[in-house]
Amino acid sequence: MAEGTIKRLTDKGFGFIDIGGDKDMFFHATNVEGVRFDELHEGQKVTYSEGEGPKGPRAENVTPAE
């Protein structure tokens, strides 16, 4: 599992994870595990698996890091 920090959350049910490079990793509320999307906050550390969505790479199985 990869780790990153939530950089931005939107009120439309998706967000972006800072993965330490030039690009951020997109994720959708349906890819959040263990907590509800609205329990996440910007600056929070998360773990995720890299997957492929219809528009390119996306984070899947997003969970708060312990």
N, C-alpha and C. Protein backbone atom coordinates (compact mmCIF):
# COMPACT_ATOMS: atom_id res chain seq x y z
N MET A 1 0.84 -1.18 0.00
CA MET A 1 0.00 0.00 0.00
C MET A 1 0.89 1.25 0.00
N ALA A 2 0.51 2.20 -0.82
CA ALA A 2 1.22 3.47 -0.88
C ALA A 2 0.65 4.42 0.17
N GLU A 3 1.41 5.45 0.51
CA GLU A 3 0.96 6.45 1.47
C GLU A 3 1.02 7.83 0.86
N GLY A 4 0.14 8.70 1.34
CA GLY A 4 0.12 10.08 0.90
C GLY A 4 -0.66 10.92 1.88
N THR A 5 -0.83 12.19 1.55
CA THR A 5 -1.55 13.14 2.39
C THR A 5 -2.67 13.76 1.57
N ILE A 6 -3.85 13.83 2.16
CA ILE A 6 -4.98 14.44 1.44
C ILE A 6 -4.66 15.92 1.23
N LYS A 7 -4.65 16.31 -0.03
CA LYS A 7 -4.32 17.69 -0.39
C LYS A 7 -5.59 18.53 -0.51
N ARG A 8 -6.63 17.93 -1.12
CA ARG A 8 -7.86 18.70 -1.35
C ARG A 8 -9.05 17.77 -1.37
N LEU A 9 -10.16 18.22 -0.77
CA LEU A 9 -11.43 17.51 -0.82
C LEU A 9 -12.47 18.44 -1.41
N THR A 10 -13.40 17.89 -2.17
CA THR A 10 -14.45 18.71 -2.76
C THR A 10 -15.80 18.32 -2.18
N ASP A 11 -16.78 19.18 -2.36
CA ASP A 11 -18.13 18.86 -1.90
C ASP A 11 -18.87 17.98 -2.92
N LYS A 12 -18.19 17.59 -3.98
CA LYS A 12 -18.79 16.72 -5.00
C LYS A 12 -18.42 15.26 -4.81
N GLY A 13 -17.70 14.94 -3.71
CA GLY A 13 -17.40 13.55 -3.40
C GLY A 13 -16.11 13.00 -3.98
N PHE A 14 -15.17 13.87 -4.24
CA PHE A 14 -13.86 13.38 -4.66
C PHE A 14 -12.77 14.25 -4.06
N GLY A 15 -11.54 13.76 -4.15
CA GLY A 15 -10.43 14.50 -3.60
C GLY A 15 -9.13 14.14 -4.29
N PHE A 16 -8.05 14.72 -3.79
CA PHE A 16 -6.73 14.50 -4.35
C PHE A 16 -5.74 14.24 -3.23
N ILE A 17 -4.86 13.26 -3.46
CA ILE A 17 -3.84 12.89 -2.49
C ILE A 17 -2.48 13.35 -3.01
N ASP A 18 -1.75 14.06 -2.16
CA ASP A 18 -0.37 14.47 -2.48
C ASP A 18 0.50 13.23 -2.31
N ILE A 19 1.09 12.78 -3.41
CA ILE A 19 1.91 11.56 -3.38
C ILE A 19 3.40 11.88 -3.46
N GLY A 20 3.75 13.15 -3.31
CA GLY A 20 5.15 13.54 -3.24
C GLY A 20 5.81 13.86 -4.56
N GLY A 21 5.05 13.95 -5.63
CA GLY A 21 5.63 14.29 -6.93
C GLY A 21 4.93 15.49 -7.53
N ASP A 22 5.05 15.63 -8.84
CA ASP A 22 4.42 16.74 -9.54
C ASP A 22 2.91 16.56 -9.65
N LYS A 23 2.45 15.31 -9.67
CA LYS A 23 1.03 15.04 -9.85
C LYS A 23 0.42 14.53 -8.56
N ASP A 24 -0.87 14.82 -8.38
CA ASP A 24 -1.63 14.32 -7.24
C ASP A 24 -2.45 13.13 -7.71
N MET A 25 -2.82 12.26 -6.77
CA MET A 25 -3.62 11.08 -7.07
C MET A 25 -5.09 11.37 -6.80
N PHE A 26 -5.93 11.22 -7.80
CA PHE A 26 -7.38 11.42 -7.68
C PHE A 26 -8.00 10.26 -6.90
N PHE A 27 -9.03 10.54 -6.11
CA PHE A 27 -9.84 9.47 -5.53
C PHE A 27 -11.28 9.91 -5.41
N HIS A 28 -12.18 8.95 -5.44
CA HIS A 28 -13.62 9.19 -5.34
C HIS A 28 -14.12 8.65 -4.02
N ALA A 29 -15.21 9.21 -3.53
CA ALA A 29 -15.79 8.78 -2.25
C ALA A 29 -16.07 7.28 -2.23
N THR A 30 -16.40 6.68 -3.36
CA THR A 30 -16.69 5.25 -3.40
C THR A 30 -15.45 4.40 -3.20
N ASN A 31 -14.26 5.00 -3.23
CA ASN A 31 -13.01 4.27 -3.03
C ASN A 31 -12.45 4.41 -1.62
N VAL A 32 -13.25 5.01 -0.72
CA VAL A 32 -12.83 5.18 0.67
C VAL A 32 -13.29 3.96 1.47
N GLU A 33 -12.39 3.41 2.29
CA GLU A 33 -12.69 2.22 3.09
C GLU A 33 -12.55 2.53 4.59
N GLY A 34 -13.43 1.97 5.40
CA GLY A 34 -13.30 2.06 6.85
C GLY A 34 -13.88 3.30 7.49
N VAL A 35 -14.03 4.38 6.74
CA VAL A 35 -14.63 5.62 7.23
C VAL A 35 -15.49 6.21 6.12
N ARG A 36 -16.34 7.15 6.48
CA ARG A 36 -17.12 7.86 5.45
C ARG A 36 -16.27 8.97 4.85
N PHE A 37 -16.55 9.33 3.62
CA PHE A 37 -15.81 10.38 2.93
C PHE A 37 -15.81 11.67 3.75
N ASP A 38 -16.95 12.01 4.34
CA ASP A 38 -17.03 13.28 5.08
C ASP A 38 -16.29 13.26 6.42
N GLU A 39 -15.71 12.13 6.80
CA GLU A 39 -14.88 12.05 8.00
C GLU A 39 -13.41 12.34 7.70
N LEU A 40 -13.05 12.40 6.43
CA LEU A 40 -11.69 12.72 6.02
C LEU A 40 -11.46 14.22 6.09
N HIS A 41 -10.20 14.63 6.23
CA HIS A 41 -9.90 16.06 6.23
C HIS A 41 -8.57 16.31 5.52
N GLU A 42 -8.43 17.52 5.01
CA GLU A 42 -7.20 17.90 4.31
C GLU A 42 -6.04 17.86 5.28
N GLY A 43 -4.90 17.35 4.83
CA GLY A 43 -3.72 17.22 5.66
C GLY A 43 -3.62 15.85 6.34
N GLN A 44 -4.66 15.04 6.20
CA GLN A 44 -4.69 13.71 6.84
C GLN A 44 -3.86 12.72 6.04
N LYS A 45 -3.09 11.89 6.73
CA LYS A 45 -2.30 10.84 6.07
C LYS A 45 -3.22 9.67 5.77
N VAL A 46 -3.06 9.10 4.57
CA VAL A 46 -3.87 7.96 4.13
C VAL A 46 -2.98 6.94 3.43
N THR A 47 -3.48 5.71 3.39
CA THR A 47 -2.86 4.68 2.56
C THR A 47 -3.84 4.35 1.45
N TYR A 48 -3.32 3.84 0.34
CA TYR A 48 -4.17 3.55 -0.81
C TYR A 48 -3.46 2.57 -1.73
N SER A 49 -4.25 1.99 -2.62
CA SER A 49 -3.72 1.16 -3.71
C SER A 49 -3.90 1.95 -4.99
N GLU A 50 -2.93 1.87 -5.87
CA GLU A 50 -3.07 2.57 -7.15
C GLU A 50 -3.87 1.72 -8.12
N GLY A 51 -4.89 2.33 -8.69
CA GLY A 51 -5.74 1.65 -9.65
C GLY A 51 -5.87 2.48 -10.91
N GLU A 52 -6.73 2.04 -11.79
CA GLU A 52 -6.94 2.72 -13.06
C GLU A 52 -8.42 3.02 -13.22
N GLY A 53 -8.74 4.29 -13.42
CA GLY A 53 -10.11 4.71 -13.65
C GLY A 53 -10.33 5.04 -15.11
N PRO A 54 -11.53 5.48 -15.46
CA PRO A 54 -11.83 5.80 -16.86
C PRO A 54 -11.02 6.97 -17.41
N LYS A 55 -10.51 7.84 -16.51
CA LYS A 55 -9.75 9.00 -16.97
C LYS A 55 -8.28 8.94 -16.57
N GLY A 56 -7.81 7.77 -16.12
CA GLY A 56 -6.41 7.64 -15.76
C GLY A 56 -6.24 7.06 -14.37
N PRO A 57 -5.04 7.20 -13.80
CA PRO A 57 -4.75 6.62 -12.49
C PRO A 57 -5.66 7.20 -11.40
N ARG A 58 -6.01 6.35 -10.44
CA ARG A 58 -6.79 6.82 -9.30
C ARG A 58 -6.42 5.97 -8.08
N ALA A 59 -6.66 6.54 -6.91
CA ALA A 59 -6.42 5.82 -5.66
C ALA A 59 -7.66 4.99 -5.33
N GLU A 60 -7.42 3.75 -4.91
CA GLU A 60 -8.49 2.87 -4.49
C GLU A 60 -8.17 2.37 -3.09
N ASN A 61 -9.18 1.88 -2.39
CA ASN A 61 -9.00 1.38 -1.02
C ASN A 61 -8.32 2.43 -0.14
N VAL A 62 -8.79 3.66 -0.21
CA VAL A 62 -8.23 4.76 0.57
C VAL A 62 -8.66 4.59 2.03
N THR A 63 -7.68 4.51 2.93
CA THR A 63 -7.96 4.37 4.37
C THR A 63 -7.06 5.32 5.15
N PRO A 64 -7.55 5.85 6.27
CA PRO A 64 -6.69 6.69 7.11
C PRO A 64 -5.49 5.89 7.59
N ALA A 65 -4.32 6.51 7.57
CA ALA A 65 -3.10 5.84 8.07
C ALA A 65 -3.16 5.82 9.59
N GLU A 66 -2.59 4.78 10.17
CA GLU A 66 -2.61 4.67 11.63
C GLU A 66 -1.33 5.15 12.25
